């Protein structure tokens, strides 16, 4: 039975990952990781692209086209598909995901640990502050993995996005956020591999030096995709962001 951890590093540019994430580069040099990149869908904004990653549809198709659509569902997702196949899923992620899966507004004092069983999500830990540290999100995700033993675990970190909005894409602080995430993953990926989990790392969008994204320039659109298997398997990597859902489904279910 294949299991998988998806690390969704919010706002991480493809070039930043390539230049500043040395542990991932070491795995790639050693033949234990495989990397590609592709432009994100448009608009290059978070909530629309979260929906794209879990539905496999473009924003203009699934209808989530702005960050300012609280409580709007994105429809059927990868989590639904896995549930229908008897797979267990968990997530440590930003509250936008809760809203898109549940179809209701997120309330921090009510939904912090709310699962969304009707959407196929059996366990979750949500955060609602953009400055919530990546170290905490990773710890939340690992606690869920240890306690619930999901087949699919999504961990969504915000460090790069927050640093980019405060300091700009390509700034020292932005690059440091990628370095710090890489050093934390160096401690977790071997643990996940030892437990039989494949790992995927990708992003929703990039970050412009002007501290924003949403446009069409490569720095706002080009995102990394890393396949980090626990064995030597090497499936064909996705060619576009909308193909990520199908790729994850193939790994977990053996079908698109």
C-alpha atoms as a PDB file:
ATOM      1  CA  UNK A   1       0.000   0.000   0.000  1.00  0.00           C
ATOM      2  CA  UNK A   2       1.557   3.314  -1.104  1.00  0.00           C
ATOM      3  CA  UNK A   3       1.495   6.226   1.337  1.00  0.00           C
ATOM      4  CA  UNK A   4       2.441   9.812   0.639  1.00  0.00           C
ATOM      5  CA  UNK A   5       3.244  13.117   2.364  1.00  0.00           C
ATOM      6  CA  UNK A   6       2.583  16.248   0.314  1.00  0.00           C
ATOM      7  CA  UNK A   7       4.519  19.316   1.470  1.00  0.00           C
ATOM      8  CA  UNK A   8       2.884  22.386  -0.034  1.00  0.00           C
ATOM      9  CA  UNK A   9       5.358  25.240   0.525  1.00  0.00           C
ATOM     10  CA  UNK A  10       3.295  28.364  -0.010  1.00  0.00           C
ATOM     11  CA  UNK A  11       4.832  31.068  -2.195  1.00  0.00           C
ATOM     12  CA  UNK A  12       8.043  29.146  -2.952  1.00  0.00           C
ATOM     13  CA  UNK A  13       9.576  30.101  -6.290  1.00  0.00           C
ATOM     14  CA  UNK A  14      11.160  27.401  -8.451  1.00  0.00           C
ATOM     15  CA  UNK A  15      14.496  29.212  -8.653  1.00  0.00           C
ATOM     16  CA  UNK A  16      14.583  29.774  -4.890  1.00  0.00           C
ATOM     17  CA  UNK A  17      14.023  26.085  -4.200  1.00  0.00           C
ATOM     18  CA  UNK A  18      16.739  25.141  -6.683  1.00  0.00           C
ATOM     19  CA  UNK A  19      19.356  27.550  -5.316  1.00  0.00           C
ATOM     20  CA  UNK A  20      18.701  27.519  -1.564  1.00  0.00           C
ATOM     21  CA  UNK A  21      17.324  24.103  -0.587  1.00  0.00           C
ATOM     22  CA  UNK A  22      20.552  22.154  -0.294  1.00  0.00           C
ATOM     23  CA  UNK A  23      19.180  18.991   1.292  1.00  0.00           C
ATOM     24  CA  UNK A  24      16.720  18.506  -1.543  1.00  0.00           C
ATOM     25  CA  UNK A  25      19.565  19.167  -3.991  1.00  0.00           C
ATOM     26  CA  UNK A  26      21.694  16.533  -2.243  1.00  0.00           C
ATOM     27  CA  UNK A  27      18.920  13.967  -2.668  1.00  0.00           C
ATOM     28  CA  UNK A  28      18.649  14.906  -6.324  1.00  0.00           C
ATOM     29  CA  UNK A  29      22.403  14.602  -6.878  1.00  0.00           C
ATOM     30  CA  UNK A  30      22.327  11.212  -5.194  1.00  0.00           C
ATOM     31  CA  UNK A  31      19.539   9.941  -7.445  1.00  0.00           C
ATOM     32  CA  UNK A  32      17.027   9.873  -4.585  1.00  0.00           C
ATOM     33  CA  UNK A  33      14.926  12.823  -5.753  1.00  0.00           C
ATOM     34  CA  UNK A  34      13.655  14.083  -9.078  1.00  0.00           C
ATOM     35  CA  UNK A  35      12.819  17.710  -9.781  1.00  0.00           C
ATOM     36  CA  UNK A  36      10.844  19.607 -12.354  1.00  0.00           C
ATOM     37  CA  UNK A  37       9.029  22.922 -12.516  1.00  0.00           C
ATOM     38  CA  UNK A  38       6.025  24.403 -14.267  1.00  0.00           C
ATOM     39  CA  UNK A  39       4.040  27.639 -14.259  1.00  0.00           C
ATOM     40  CA  UNK A  40       1.132  27.835 -11.866  1.00  0.00           C
ATOM     41  CA  UNK A  41      -2.369  28.397 -13.170  1.00  0.00           C
ATOM     42  CA  UNK A  42      -3.862  31.880 -13.263  1.00  0.00           C
ATOM     43  CA  UNK A  43      -4.629  33.938 -11.331  1.00  0.00           C
ATOM     44  CA  UNK A  44      -1.455  33.234  -9.356  1.00  0.00           C
ATOM     45  CA  UNK A  45      -3.200  33.584  -5.991  1.00  0.00           C
ATOM     46  CA  UNK A  46      -3.341  31.196  -3.066  1.00  0.00           C
ATOM     47  CA  UNK A  47      -6.954  30.164  -2.596  1.00  0.00           C
ATOM     48  CA  UNK A  48      -7.570  29.546  -6.328  1.00  0.00           C
ATOM     49  CA  UNK A  49      -4.390  27.473  -6.626  1.00  0.00           C
ATOM     50  CA  UNK A  50      -5.041  25.461  -3.474  1.00  0.00           C
ATOM     51  CA  UNK A  51      -8.283  24.448  -5.163  1.00  0.00           C
ATOM     52  CA  UNK A  52      -6.477  23.621  -8.403  1.00  0.00           C
ATOM     53  CA  UNK A  53      -3.991  21.360  -6.636  1.00  0.00           C
ATOM     54  CA  UNK A  54      -6.695  19.267  -4.968  1.00  0.00           C
ATOM     55  CA  UNK A  55      -9.275  19.303  -7.793  1.00  0.00           C
ATOM     56  CA  UNK A  56      -7.090  19.156 -10.900  1.00  0.00           C
ATOM     57  CA  UNK A  57      -9.075  21.979 -12.481  1.00  0.00           C
ATOM     58  CA  UNK A  58      -8.154  25.539 -13.422  1.00  0.00           C
ATOM     59  CA  UNK A  59      -9.548  28.380 -11.297  1.00  0.00           C
ATOM     60  CA  UNK A  60     -11.903  29.494 -14.044  1.00  0.00           C
ATOM     61  CA  UNK A  61     -13.288  25.938 -14.057  1.00  0.00           C
ATOM     62  CA  UNK A  62     -13.671  25.253 -10.324  1.00  0.00           C
ATOM     63  CA  UNK A  63     -14.849  28.805  -9.615  1.00  0.00           C
ATOM     64  CA  UNK A  64     -12.457  29.811  -6.847  1.00  0.00           C
ATOM     65  CA  UNK A  65     -10.791  32.803  -8.490  1.00  0.00           C
ATOM     66  CA  UNK A  66      -9.971  35.101  -5.558  1.00  0.00           C
ATOM     67  CA  UNK A  67      -8.590  34.951  -2.039  1.00  0.00           C
ATOM     68  CA  UNK A  68     -11.706  36.864  -0.984  1.00  0.00           C
ATOM     69  CA  UNK A  69     -14.203  34.015  -1.277  1.00  0.00           C
ATOM     70  CA  UNK A  70     -14.610  32.779   2.312  1.00  0.00           C
ATOM     71  CA  UNK A  71     -16.644  29.648   2.811  1.00  0.00           C
ATOM     72  CA  UNK A  72     -16.841  28.772  -0.899  1.00  0.00           C
ATOM     73  CA  UNK A  73     -16.487  25.061  -1.680  1.00  0.00           C
ATOM     74  CA  UNK A  74     -14.237  23.972  -4.542  1.00  0.00           C
ATOM     75  CA  UNK A  75     -16.219  20.798  -5.246  1.00  0.00           C
ATOM     76  CA  UNK A  76     -14.907  17.238  -5.427  1.00  0.00           C
ATOM     77  CA  UNK A  77     -11.247  16.876  -4.503  1.00  0.00           C
ATOM     78  CA  UNK A  78      -8.456  14.346  -4.151  1.00  0.00           C
ATOM     79  CA  UNK A  79      -9.590  13.804  -0.555  1.00  0.00           C
ATOM     80  CA  UNK A  80     -13.024  12.666  -1.754  1.00  0.00           C
ATOM     81  CA  UNK A  81     -11.425  10.322  -4.280  1.00  0.00           C
ATOM     82  CA  UNK A  82      -9.191   8.744  -1.651  1.00  0.00           C
ATOM     83  CA  UNK A  83     -12.088   8.304   0.777  1.00  0.00           C
ATOM     84  CA  UNK A  84     -14.095   6.494  -1.892  1.00  0.00           C
ATOM     85  CA  UNK A  85     -11.152   4.108  -2.302  1.00  0.00           C
ATOM     86  CA  UNK A  86     -10.852   3.444   1.417  1.00  0.00           C
ATOM     87  CA  UNK A  87      -7.781   5.617   1.991  1.00  0.00           C
ATOM     88  CA  UNK A  88      -7.324   7.793   5.081  1.00  0.00           C
ATOM     89  CA  UNK A  89      -6.257  11.439   4.772  1.00  0.00           C
ATOM     90  CA  UNK A  90      -5.082  14.122   7.191  1.00  0.00           C
ATOM     91  CA  UNK A  91      -3.938  17.725   6.818  1.00  0.00           C
ATOM     92  CA  UNK A  92      -2.025  20.422   8.693  1.00  0.00           C
ATOM     93  CA  UNK A  93      -2.826  23.505   6.664  1.00  0.00           C
ATOM     94  CA  UNK A  94      -3.990  27.102   6.419  1.00  0.00           C
ATOM     95  CA  UNK A  95      -7.685  27.680   7.087  1.00  0.00           C
ATOM     96  CA  UNK A  96      -8.501  28.399   3.428  1.00  0.00           C
ATOM     97  CA  UNK A  97      -8.403  24.637   2.898  1.00  0.00           C
ATOM     98  CA  UNK A  98     -10.935  24.068   5.656  1.00  0.00           C
ATOM     99  CA  UNK A  99     -13.316  26.539   4.040  1.00  0.00           C
ATOM    100  CA  UNK A 100     -13.013  25.028   0.568  1.00  0.00           C
ATOM    101  CA  UNK A 101     -13.531  21.486   1.870  1.00  0.00           C
ATOM    102  CA  UNK A 102     -16.342  22.233   4.325  1.00  0.00           C
ATOM    103  CA  UNK A 103     -18.093  25.023   2.428  1.00  0.00           C
ATOM    104  CA  UNK A 104     -18.350  27.130   5.574  1.00  0.00           C
ATOM    105  CA  UNK A 105     -16.482  29.968   7.264  1.00  0.00           C
ATOM    106  CA  UNK A 106     -13.585  29.055   9.525  1.00  0.00           C
ATOM    107  CA  UNK A 107     -13.763  30.090  13.186  1.00  0.00           C
ATOM    108  CA  UNK A 108     -10.450  29.663  15.065  1.00  0.00           C
ATOM    109  CA  UNK A 109     -12.074  28.864  18.407  1.00  0.00           C
ATOM    110  CA  UNK A 110     -14.331  26.246  16.871  1.00  0.00           C
ATOM    111  CA  UNK A 111     -12.509  24.610  13.975  1.00  0.00           C
ATOM    112  CA  UNK A 112      -8.817  24.491  14.952  1.00  0.00           C
ATOM    113  CA  UNK A 113      -8.813  20.678  15.011  1.00  0.00           C
ATOM    114  CA  UNK A 114     -11.949  20.087  12.955  1.00  0.00           C
ATOM    115  CA  UNK A 115     -11.936  17.126  10.597  1.00  0.00           C
ATOM    116  CA  UNK A 116     -14.090  17.269   7.469  1.00  0.00           C
ATOM    117  CA  UNK A 117     -15.242  13.652   7.155  1.00  0.00           C
ATOM    118  CA  UNK A 118     -17.814  14.409   4.453  1.00  0.00           C
ATOM    119  CA  UNK A 119     -14.952  15.633   2.265  1.00  0.00           C
ATOM    120  CA  UNK A 120     -12.714  12.666   3.073  1.00  0.00           C
ATOM    121  CA  UNK A 121     -10.506  14.405   5.632  1.00  0.00           C
ATOM    122  CA  UNK A 122     -10.428  12.327   8.805  1.00  0.00           C
ATOM    123  CA  UNK A 123      -8.047  14.446  10.893  1.00  0.00           C
ATOM    124  CA  UNK A 124      -6.737  17.993  10.649  1.00  0.00           C
ATOM    125  CA  UNK A 125      -4.981  20.880  12.360  1.00  0.00           C
ATOM    126  CA  UNK A 126      -5.656  24.342  10.878  1.00  0.00           C
ATOM    127  CA  UNK A 127      -3.834  27.630  11.432  1.00  0.00           C
ATOM    128  CA  UNK A 128      -5.044  31.122  10.630  1.00  0.00           C
ATOM    129  CA  UNK A 129      -2.030  33.451  11.078  1.00  0.00           C
ATOM    130  CA  UNK A 130       0.251  33.917   8.076  1.00  0.00           C
ATOM    131  CA  UNK A 131       3.253  34.177  10.407  1.00  0.00           C
ATOM    132  CA  UNK A 132       2.590  30.734  11.927  1.00  0.00           C
ATOM    133  CA  UNK A 133       6.068  29.138  11.827  1.00  0.00           C
ATOM    134  CA  UNK A 134       6.836  26.319   9.424  1.00  0.00           C
ATOM    135  CA  UNK A 135       8.380  24.400  12.325  1.00  0.00           C
ATOM    136  CA  UNK A 136       4.984  24.391  14.062  1.00  0.00           C
ATOM    137  CA  UNK A 137       3.081  23.334  10.938  1.00  0.00           C
ATOM    138  CA  UNK A 138       5.516  20.496  10.329  1.00  0.00           C
ATOM    139  CA  UNK A 139       5.193  19.419  13.967  1.00  0.00           C
ATOM    140  CA  UNK A 140       1.392  19.541  13.660  1.00  0.00           C
ATOM    141  CA  UNK A 141       1.556  17.367  10.568  1.00  0.00           C
ATOM    142  CA  UNK A 142       3.942  14.867  12.084  1.00  0.00           C
ATOM    143  CA  UNK A 143       1.748  14.568  15.175  1.00  0.00           C
ATOM    144  CA  UNK A 144      -1.237  13.805  12.939  1.00  0.00           C
ATOM    145  CA  UNK A 145       0.804  11.218  11.048  1.00  0.00           C
ATOM    146  CA  UNK A 146       1.957   9.460  14.178  1.00  0.00           C
ATOM    147  CA  UNK A 147      -1.482   9.449  15.808  1.00  0.00           C
ATOM    148  CA  UNK A 148      -3.740   8.699  12.822  1.00  0.00           C
ATOM    149  CA  UNK A 149      -1.387   6.871  10.424  1.00  0.00           C
ATOM    150  CA  UNK A 150      -3.026   8.365   7.311  1.00  0.00           C
ATOM    151  CA  UNK A 151      -2.304   7.081   3.841  1.00  0.00           C
ATOM    152  CA  UNK A 152      -2.126  10.686   2.608  1.00  0.00           C
ATOM    153  CA  UNK A 153      -0.881  13.600   4.691  1.00  0.00           C
ATOM    154  CA  UNK A 154      -0.850  17.171   3.405  1.00  0.00           C
ATOM    155  CA  UNK A 155       1.376  19.666   5.225  1.00  0.00           C
ATOM    156  CA  UNK A 156       0.972  23.237   4.050  1.00  0.00           C
ATOM    157  CA  UNK A 157       3.637  25.694   5.250  1.00  0.00           C
ATOM    158  CA  UNK A 158       3.432  29.490   4.988  1.00  0.00           C
ATOM    159  CA  UNK A 159       6.993  30.625   5.768  1.00  0.00           C
ATOM    160  CA  UNK A 160       8.109  31.538   2.243  1.00  0.00           C
ATOM    161  CA  UNK A 161       4.873  33.301   1.404  1.00  0.00           C
ATOM    162  CA  UNK A 162       4.931  35.358   4.603  1.00  0.00           C
ATOM    163  CA  UNK A 163       8.583  36.339   4.142  1.00  0.00           C
ATOM    164  CA  UNK A 164       7.865  37.294   0.535  1.00  0.00           C
ATOM    165  CA  UNK A 165       4.919  39.515   1.444  1.00  0.00           C
ATOM    166  CA  UNK A 166       6.937  41.283   4.121  1.00  0.00           C
ATOM    167  CA  UNK A 167      10.355  41.499   2.423  1.00  0.00           C
ATOM    168  CA  UNK A 168       9.844  40.613  -1.257  1.00  0.00           C
ATOM    169  CA  UNK A 169      10.646  37.590  -3.393  1.00  0.00           C
ATOM    170  CA  UNK A 170      14.409  37.153  -3.750  1.00  0.00           C
ATOM    171  CA  UNK A 171      15.148  39.082  -0.543  1.00  0.00           C
ATOM    172  CA  UNK A 172      17.522  37.705   2.081  1.00  0.00           C
ATOM    173  CA  UNK A 173      14.599  36.945   4.386  1.00  0.00           C
ATOM    174  CA  UNK A 174      12.706  35.161   1.619  1.00  0.00           C
ATOM    175  CA  UNK A 175      15.726  33.039   0.708  1.00  0.00           C
ATOM    176  CA  UNK A 176      16.311  32.267   4.382  1.00  0.00           C
ATOM    177  CA  UNK A 177      12.759  30.964   4.740  1.00  0.00           C
ATOM    178  CA  UNK A 178      13.524  28.399   2.031  1.00  0.00           C
ATOM    179  CA  UNK A 179      16.794  27.462   3.715  1.00  0.00           C
ATOM    180  CA  UNK A 180      15.069  26.963   7.069  1.00  0.00           C
ATOM    181  CA  UNK A 181      12.331  24.801   5.566  1.00  0.00           C
ATOM    182  CA  UNK A 182      14.971  22.685   3.824  1.00  0.00           C
ATOM    183  CA  UNK A 183      16.860  22.127   7.085  1.00  0.00           C
ATOM    184  CA  UNK A 184      13.661  21.059   8.826  1.00  0.00           C
ATOM    185  CA  UNK A 185      12.766  18.682   6.016  1.00  0.00           C
ATOM    186  CA  UNK A 186      16.220  17.122   6.335  1.00  0.00           C
ATOM    187  CA  UNK A 187      15.084  15.846   9.747  1.00  0.00           C
ATOM    188  CA  UNK A 188      11.623  14.711   8.661  1.00  0.00           C
ATOM    189  CA  UNK A 189      12.038  13.174   5.205  1.00  0.00           C
ATOM    190  CA  UNK A 190      14.264  10.296   6.419  1.00  0.00           C
ATOM    191  CA  UNK A 191      11.697   9.595   9.132  1.00  0.00           C
ATOM    192  CA  UNK A 192       8.864   9.555   6.602  1.00  0.00           C
ATOM    193  CA  UNK A 193      10.833   7.356   4.232  1.00  0.00           C
ATOM    194  CA  UNK A 194      11.561   4.897   7.028  1.00  0.00           C
ATOM    195  CA  UNK A 195       7.800   4.662   7.650  1.00  0.00           C
ATOM    196  CA  UNK A 196       7.147   3.875   3.996  1.00  0.00           C
ATOM    197  CA  UNK A 197       5.932   7.294   2.837  1.00  0.00           C
ATOM    198  CA  UNK A 198       6.797   8.826  -0.494  1.00  0.00           C
ATOM    199  CA  UNK A 199       7.174  12.620  -0.342  1.00  0.00           C
ATOM    200  CA  UNK A 200       6.192  15.334  -2.811  1.00  0.00           C
ATOM    201  CA  UNK A 201       7.111  18.992  -2.408  1.00  0.00           C
ATOM    202  CA  UNK A 202       5.568  21.696  -4.534  1.00  0.00           C
ATOM    203  CA  UNK A 203       4.150  25.216  -4.255  1.00  0.00           C
ATOM    204  CA  UNK A 204       1.042  27.135  -5.214  1.00  0.00           C
ATOM    205  CA  UNK A 205       2.684  30.229  -6.752  1.00  0.00           C
ATOM    206  CA  UNK A 206       5.892  32.253  -6.736  1.00  0.00           C
ATOM    207  CA  UNK A 207       6.662  35.711  -5.385  1.00  0.00           C
ATOM    208  CA  UNK A 208       7.571  39.005  -7.059  1.00  0.00           C
ATOM    209  CA  UNK A 209      10.229  41.299  -5.535  1.00  0.00           C
ATOM    210  CA  UNK A 210       7.431  43.856  -5.081  1.00  0.00           C
ATOM    211  CA  UNK A 211       6.100  41.587  -2.269  1.00  0.00           C
ATOM    212  CA  UNK A 212       3.080  40.317  -4.179  1.00  0.00           C
ATOM    213  CA  UNK A 213       1.912  37.726  -6.683  1.00  0.00           C
ATOM    214  CA  UNK A 214      -1.161  37.317  -8.822  1.00  0.00           C
ATOM    215  CA  UNK A 215       0.294  38.276 -12.204  1.00  0.00           C
ATOM    216  CA  UNK A 216       1.873  36.467 -15.118  1.00  0.00           C
ATOM    217  CA  UNK A 217       5.640  36.961 -14.718  1.00  0.00           C
ATOM    218  CA  UNK A 218       7.781  33.829 -14.253  1.00  0.00           C
ATOM    219  CA  UNK A 219       8.829  34.868 -10.727  1.00  0.00           C
ATOM    220  CA  UNK A 220       5.126  34.857  -9.796  1.00  0.00           C
ATOM    221  CA  UNK A 221       4.216  31.671 -11.683  1.00  0.00           C
ATOM    222  CA  UNK A 222       7.125  29.193 -11.808  1.00  0.00           C
ATOM    223  CA  UNK A 223       6.880  26.645  -8.981  1.00  0.00           C
ATOM    224  CA  UNK A 224       8.991  23.599  -8.089  1.00  0.00           C
ATOM    225  CA  UNK A 225       7.899  19.981  -8.008  1.00  0.00           C
ATOM    226  CA  UNK A 226      10.058  17.393  -6.207  1.00  0.00           C
ATOM    227  CA  UNK A 227       9.394  13.656  -6.188  1.00  0.00           C
ATOM    228  CA  UNK A 228      11.130  12.116  -3.155  1.00  0.00           C
ATOM    229  CA  UNK A 229      10.323   8.388  -3.059  1.00  0.00           C
ATOM    230  CA  UNK A 230      11.117   6.061  -0.184  1.00  0.00           C
ATOM    231  CA  UNK A 231      12.315   3.595  -2.810  1.00  0.00           C
ATOM    232  CA  UNK A 232      13.767   4.017  -6.286  1.00  0.00           C
ATOM    233  CA  UNK A 233      10.424   4.433  -8.049  1.00  0.00           C
ATOM    234  CA  UNK A 234      10.281   7.152 -10.687  1.00  0.00           C
ATOM    235  CA  UNK A 235       6.853   7.754 -12.227  1.00  0.00           C
ATOM    236  CA  UNK A 236       6.421  10.325 -14.967  1.00  0.00           C
ATOM    237  CA  UNK A 237       6.294  13.709 -13.254  1.00  0.00           C
ATOM    238  CA  UNK A 238       3.407  16.104 -13.889  1.00  0.00           C
ATOM    239  CA  UNK A 239       3.831  18.533 -16.764  1.00  0.00           C
ATOM    240  CA  UNK A 240       1.454  21.179 -15.415  1.00  0.00           C
ATOM    241  CA  UNK A 241       0.062  22.251 -12.068  1.00  0.00           C
ATOM    242  CA  UNK A 242      -3.402  20.952 -12.872  1.00  0.00           C
ATOM    243  CA  UNK A 243      -1.831  17.480 -13.298  1.00  0.00           C
ATOM    244  CA  UNK A 244      -0.662  17.301  -9.657  1.00  0.00           C
ATOM    245  CA  UNK A 245      -3.924  15.795  -8.389  1.00  0.00           C
ATOM    246  CA  UNK A 246      -3.753  13.008 -10.984  1.00  0.00           C
ATOM    247  CA  UNK A 247      -0.107  12.338 -10.131  1.00  0.00           C
ATOM    248  CA  UNK A 248      -0.879  11.998  -6.411  1.00  0.00           C
ATOM    249  CA  UNK A 249      -3.833   9.747  -7.184  1.00  0.00           C
ATOM    250  CA  UNK A 250      -1.660   7.486  -9.340  1.00  0.00           C
ATOM    251  CA  UNK A 251       0.851   7.102  -6.534  1.00  0.00           C
ATOM    252  CA  UNK A 252      -1.790   6.420  -3.888  1.00  0.00           C
ATOM    253  CA  UNK A 253      -4.317   4.453  -5.922  1.00  0.00           C
ATOM    254  CA  UNK A 254      -2.517   3.320  -9.028  1.00  0.00           C
ATOM    255  CA  UNK A 255      -5.021   5.257 -11.155  1.00  0.00           C
ATOM    256  CA  UNK A 256      -5.513   8.813 -12.392  1.00  0.00           C
END
